[in-house]
Amino acid sequence: MAKKPIIADSSVMISLTKVKKVYPGGHTALDNVNLEIRRGEFVFVLGHSGAGKSTFLKLILREEVATSGRVVVGGRDLSRIRQRDIPYLRRGLGVVFQDFRLIPSMTAFENVAFAMRVTNIAEREIKKRVPYVLNLVGLAGKARNYPAELSGGEQQRVALARALVHSPPIIIADEPTGNIDPELSVEIMELLKAINMVGTTVVVVTHEHDLAQRFSERIITIDHGAVVADDQTKGGGAF
């Protein structure tokens, strides 16, 4: 039986307390960052290139470890998590990347199914679940298409389906509209908003201020490694 993702039952899904991250060579990417993201929130983490967004993402995915301070995801302190448990932690996080990261030799169905097969999900469950999530993102008719046969927006939808296939409590989207046309960007954000409406916590890491203003009820702005604004009213806060 597959081991369940490590996501505790907590109203605070992501917490950073006095977090500092200094890379070898002395570059400080984050400095004294304090923030909480609660269950069911739709949050944009906004900032220019080099502001510290990528480091924030790497810390909550446990790709990097904070130099000091505390990073907690789903109730788990990531400074104390065992190395062997990191894959199970990530399994509770649906991650959507800017560059899609689809396997070119696999169809849309197979790309999504692969995310289940690596966690030893039964094939009968895969055959039920994958068509469901592809339909959810509007790709019911594209299951047999390869990535090269899909538009950028369709490839991003496959990536979103892959992130959703385990029904994670947290979806993290890293510049999800960076490689698609503006009109398709709106469609992807509307999908994320619909996912949020059923209770999933959604965190979008981006530099696109206009999208943040349009879709989010909370905008956390990072600049030079610090949280410079945390606006919890829709459409406020300039950057």
Protein backbone atom coordinates (compact mmCIF):
# COMPACT_ATOMS: atom_id res chain seq x y z
CA MET A 1 0.00 0.00 0.00
CA ALA A 2 1.29 3.47 -0.89
CA LYS A 3 2.39 5.62 2.00
CA LYS A 4 0.09 8.60 2.51
CA PRO A 5 1.36 12.15 1.99
CA ILE A 6 2.56 13.86 5.16
CA ILE A 7 0.04 16.67 5.56
CA ALA A 8 -1.27 17.26 9.05
CA ASP A 9 -4.75 18.50 9.87
CA SER A 10 -3.99 22.14 10.59
CA SER A 11 -5.64 25.41 9.73
CA VAL A 12 -2.20 26.88 8.96
CA MET A 13 -0.92 25.18 5.83
CA ILE A 14 2.35 27.10 5.34
CA SER A 15 4.22 29.04 8.00
CA LEU A 16 7.56 30.86 7.87
CA THR A 17 8.86 32.28 11.17
CA LYS A 18 11.94 34.54 11.24
CA VAL A 19 13.26 32.75 8.16
CA LYS A 20 16.62 33.69 6.75
CA LYS A 21 18.32 32.03 3.78
CA VAL A 22 21.94 32.77 2.93
CA TYR A 23 23.52 30.92 0.01
CA PRO A 24 27.19 29.91 -0.18
CA GLY A 25 29.11 33.01 -1.15
CA GLY A 26 27.10 35.21 1.17
CA HIS A 27 24.04 36.15 -0.88
CA THR A 28 21.03 36.67 1.40
CA ALA A 29 17.93 35.58 -0.53
CA LEU A 30 15.43 35.90 2.33
CA ASP A 31 15.83 37.84 5.56
CA ASN A 32 13.53 37.67 8.61
CA VAL A 33 10.49 36.49 6.66
CA ASN A 34 7.33 35.91 8.70
CA LEU A 35 4.09 34.77 7.08
CA GLU A 36 1.22 32.31 7.42
CA ILE A 37 -1.00 30.87 4.71
CA ARG A 38 -4.15 29.27 6.05
CA ARG A 39 -6.28 26.42 4.78
CA GLY A 40 -8.48 27.44 1.84
CA GLU A 41 -6.69 30.70 1.04
CA PHE A 42 -5.88 31.85 -2.51
CA VAL A 43 -2.59 33.71 -2.23
CA PHE A 44 -0.24 35.39 -4.68
CA VAL A 45 3.42 35.69 -3.74
CA LEU A 46 4.45 38.62 -5.88
CA GLY A 47 7.85 40.10 -6.72
CA HIS A 48 10.32 40.93 -9.45
CA SER A 49 13.01 38.55 -10.64
CA GLY A 50 15.57 38.13 -7.87
CA ALA A 51 13.23 39.31 -5.13
CA GLY A 52 13.34 35.97 -3.28
CA LYS A 53 10.28 34.18 -4.71
CA SER A 54 12.23 31.19 -5.99
CA THR A 55 13.93 30.70 -2.64
CA PHE A 56 10.56 30.88 -0.88
CA LEU A 57 9.33 28.13 -3.21
CA LYS A 58 12.41 25.97 -2.72
CA LEU A 59 12.10 26.22 1.05
CA ILE A 60 8.48 25.06 1.17
CA LEU A 61 9.26 22.21 -1.26
CA ARG A 62 12.27 21.31 0.93
CA GLU A 63 14.64 21.72 -2.00
CA GLU A 64 16.57 24.13 0.24
CA VAL A 65 16.83 24.44 4.03
CA ALA A 66 16.55 27.75 5.85
CA THR A 67 19.79 29.11 7.32
CA SER A 68 17.77 30.12 10.38
CA GLY A 69 14.13 30.34 11.40
CA ARG A 70 11.32 27.83 11.01
CA VAL A 71 9.49 26.61 7.91
CA VAL A 72 6.36 24.53 8.55
CA VAL A 73 4.24 22.97 5.78
CA GLY A 74 1.09 21.07 6.65
CA GLY A 75 2.10 20.96 10.30
CA ARG A 76 5.56 19.54 9.59
CA ASP A 77 8.71 21.40 10.59
CA LEU A 78 10.88 21.09 7.49
CA SER A 79 14.11 21.55 9.42
CA ARG A 80 13.34 18.32 11.28
CA ILE A 81 11.81 16.18 8.56
CA ARG A 82 13.72 13.02 7.70
CA GLN A 83 15.23 12.83 4.22
CA ARG A 84 13.27 9.69 3.40
CA ASP A 85 9.99 11.46 4.20
CA ILE A 86 10.54 14.41 1.85
CA PRO A 87 8.98 12.65 -1.20
CA TYR A 88 5.83 11.97 0.82
CA LEU A 89 5.66 15.58 1.93
CA ARG A 90 5.88 16.71 -1.71
CA ARG A 91 3.17 14.25 -2.65
CA GLY A 92 0.80 16.36 -0.57
CA LEU A 93 1.75 19.43 -2.61
CA GLY A 94 0.46 19.74 -6.16
CA VAL A 95 3.11 21.76 -8.01
CA VAL A 96 2.59 23.45 -11.38
CA PHE A 97 5.74 24.71 -13.08
CA GLN A 98 6.22 27.45 -15.67
CA ASP A 99 7.92 25.09 -18.12
CA PHE A 100 5.22 22.39 -17.75
CA ARG A 101 7.79 19.57 -17.25
CA LEU A 102 5.81 17.08 -19.28
CA ILE A 103 7.46 13.93 -20.63
CA PRO A 104 7.48 14.32 -24.45
CA SER A 105 7.22 10.60 -25.18
CA MET A 106 4.06 10.22 -23.08
CA THR A 107 0.50 11.19 -23.93
CA ALA A 108 -1.50 13.57 -21.75
CA PHE A 109 -3.08 10.55 -20.06
CA GLU A 110 0.29 8.90 -19.49
CA ASN A 111 1.88 12.08 -18.09
CA VAL A 112 -0.84 12.34 -15.47
CA ALA A 113 -0.90 8.59 -14.82
CA PHE A 114 2.87 8.58 -14.31
CA ALA A 115 2.45 10.81 -11.25
CA MET A 116 0.24 8.08 -9.77
CA ARG A 117 2.33 5.09 -10.86
CA VAL A 118 5.47 6.37 -9.11
CA THR A 119 3.48 6.28 -5.86
CA ASN A 120 2.32 2.69 -6.45
CA ILE A 121 -1.35 3.54 -6.97
CA ALA A 122 -3.36 0.58 -8.31
CA GLU A 123 -3.90 0.59 -12.07
CA ARG A 124 -7.67 0.35 -11.68
CA GLU A 125 -7.60 3.58 -9.63
CA ILE A 126 -5.42 5.28 -12.25
CA LYS A 127 -7.88 4.37 -15.01
CA LYS A 128 -10.68 6.00 -13.01
CA ARG A 129 -8.85 9.02 -11.66
CA VAL A 130 -6.90 10.25 -14.70
CA PRO A 131 -9.90 10.73 -17.04
CA TYR A 132 -11.68 12.52 -14.20
CA VAL A 133 -8.94 15.11 -13.68
CA LEU A 134 -8.38 15.57 -17.43
CA ASN A 135 -12.08 16.31 -17.78
CA LEU A 136 -11.86 18.67 -14.81
CA VAL A 137 -9.28 20.81 -16.64
CA GLY A 138 -11.14 20.65 -19.96
CA LEU A 139 -8.97 18.07 -21.73
CA ALA A 140 -11.27 15.07 -21.95
CA GLY A 141 -10.74 14.91 -25.71
CA LYS A 142 -6.95 15.26 -25.56
CA ALA A 143 -5.99 12.25 -23.43
CA ARG A 144 -4.18 10.50 -26.31
CA ASN A 145 -2.33 13.56 -27.55
CA TYR A 146 1.39 14.02 -26.97
CA PRO A 147 2.72 17.32 -25.59
CA ALA A 148 3.99 18.40 -29.02
CA GLU A 149 0.43 18.09 -30.32
CA LEU A 150 -0.95 20.40 -27.63
CA SER A 151 -0.95 24.19 -27.37
CA GLY A 152 0.92 25.89 -24.53
CA GLY A 153 -2.32 26.41 -22.67
CA GLU A 154 -3.26 22.75 -23.10
CA GLN A 155 0.14 21.63 -21.88
CA GLN A 156 -0.28 23.78 -18.80
CA ARG A 157 -3.67 22.16 -18.22
CA VAL A 158 -2.02 18.73 -18.37
CA ALA A 159 0.51 19.94 -15.80
CA LEU A 160 -2.36 21.17 -13.64
CA ALA A 161 -4.16 17.83 -13.97
CA ARG A 162 -0.97 16.08 -12.89
CA ALA A 163 -0.77 18.36 -9.84
CA LEU A 164 -4.40 17.62 -8.97
CA VAL A 165 -4.37 13.87 -9.46
CA HIS A 166 -3.55 13.08 -5.81
CA SER A 167 -6.16 15.57 -4.52
CA PRO A 168 -3.51 17.54 -2.61
CA PRO A 169 -4.64 20.05 0.02
CA ILE A 170 -2.14 22.59 -1.35
CA ILE A 171 -1.53 23.62 -4.96
CA ILE A 172 1.61 25.65 -5.63
CA ALA A 173 1.90 27.31 -9.05
CA ASP A 174 5.32 28.66 -10.03
CA GLU A 175 4.85 31.34 -12.71
CA PRO A 176 2.05 29.19 -14.20
CA THR A 177 1.22 31.71 -16.95
CA GLY A 178 4.78 32.61 -17.94
CA ASN A 179 4.86 30.54 -21.14
CA ILE A 180 1.32 31.02 -22.42
CA ASP A 181 -0.65 33.81 -24.09
CA PRO A 182 -2.39 36.43 -21.91
CA GLU A 183 -5.90 35.20 -22.77
CA LEU A 184 -4.90 31.64 -21.83
CA SER A 185 -3.37 32.98 -18.63
CA VAL A 186 -6.82 34.09 -17.55
CA GLU A 187 -8.22 30.62 -18.26
CA ILE A 188 -5.53 28.94 -16.16
CA MET A 189 -6.11 31.36 -13.30
CA GLU A 190 -9.87 30.77 -13.48
CA LEU A 191 -9.19 27.03 -13.17
CA LEU A 192 -7.02 27.63 -10.12
CA LYS A 193 -9.71 29.83 -8.63
CA ALA A 194 -12.32 27.11 -9.18
CA ILE A 195 -10.01 24.59 -7.48
CA ASN A 196 -9.66 26.99 -4.57
CA MET A 197 -13.43 27.37 -4.30
CA VAL A 198 -13.75 23.71 -3.27
CA GLY A 199 -11.35 24.21 -0.37
CA THR A 200 -7.87 23.66 -1.82
CA THR A 201 -5.22 26.12 -0.67
CA VAL A 202 -3.67 27.79 -3.75
CA VAL A 203 -0.36 29.65 -3.75
CA VAL A 204 0.70 31.36 -7.00
CA VAL A 205 4.29 32.57 -7.17
CA THR A 206 4.61 35.17 -9.91
CA HIS A 207 5.85 38.58 -11.04
CA GLU A 208 2.57 39.35 -12.88
CA HIS A 209 0.99 42.12 -10.86
CA ASP A 210 -2.11 42.49 -13.07
CA LEU A 211 -3.10 38.84 -12.60
CA ALA A 212 -2.56 39.12 -8.87
CA GLN A 213 -4.82 42.17 -8.71
CA ARG A 214 -7.51 40.45 -10.75
CA PHE A 215 -7.69 37.07 -9.06
CA SER A 216 -6.36 37.16 -5.52
CA GLU A 217 -7.91 38.17 -2.23
CA ARG A 218 -4.43 38.23 -0.70
CA ILE A 219 -1.15 39.44 -2.19
CA ILE A 220 2.15 38.91 -0.38
CA THR A 221 4.87 41.07 -1.93
CA ILE A 222 8.54 40.12 -1.58
CA ASP A 223 11.32 42.58 -2.44
CA HIS A 224 15.04 42.16 -1.79
CA GLY A 225 14.35 39.10 0.35
CA ALA A 226 11.81 40.72 2.66
CA VAL A 227 8.02 40.74 2.86
CA VAL A 228 7.25 44.37 2.12
CA ALA A 229 3.46 44.07 1.87
CA ASP A 230 0.72 41.61 2.80
CA ASP A 231 -2.53 42.88 1.38
CA GLN A 232 -5.60 40.83 2.30
CA THR A 233 -8.17 42.91 0.45
CA LYS A 234 -8.76 42.08 -3.18
CA GLY A 235 -7.28 44.51 -5.67
CA GLY A 236 -5.11 46.45 -3.24
CA GLY A 237 -1.43 46.94 -2.72
CA ALA A 238 0.84 48.20 -5.47
CA PHE A 239 4.25 46.90 -6.39
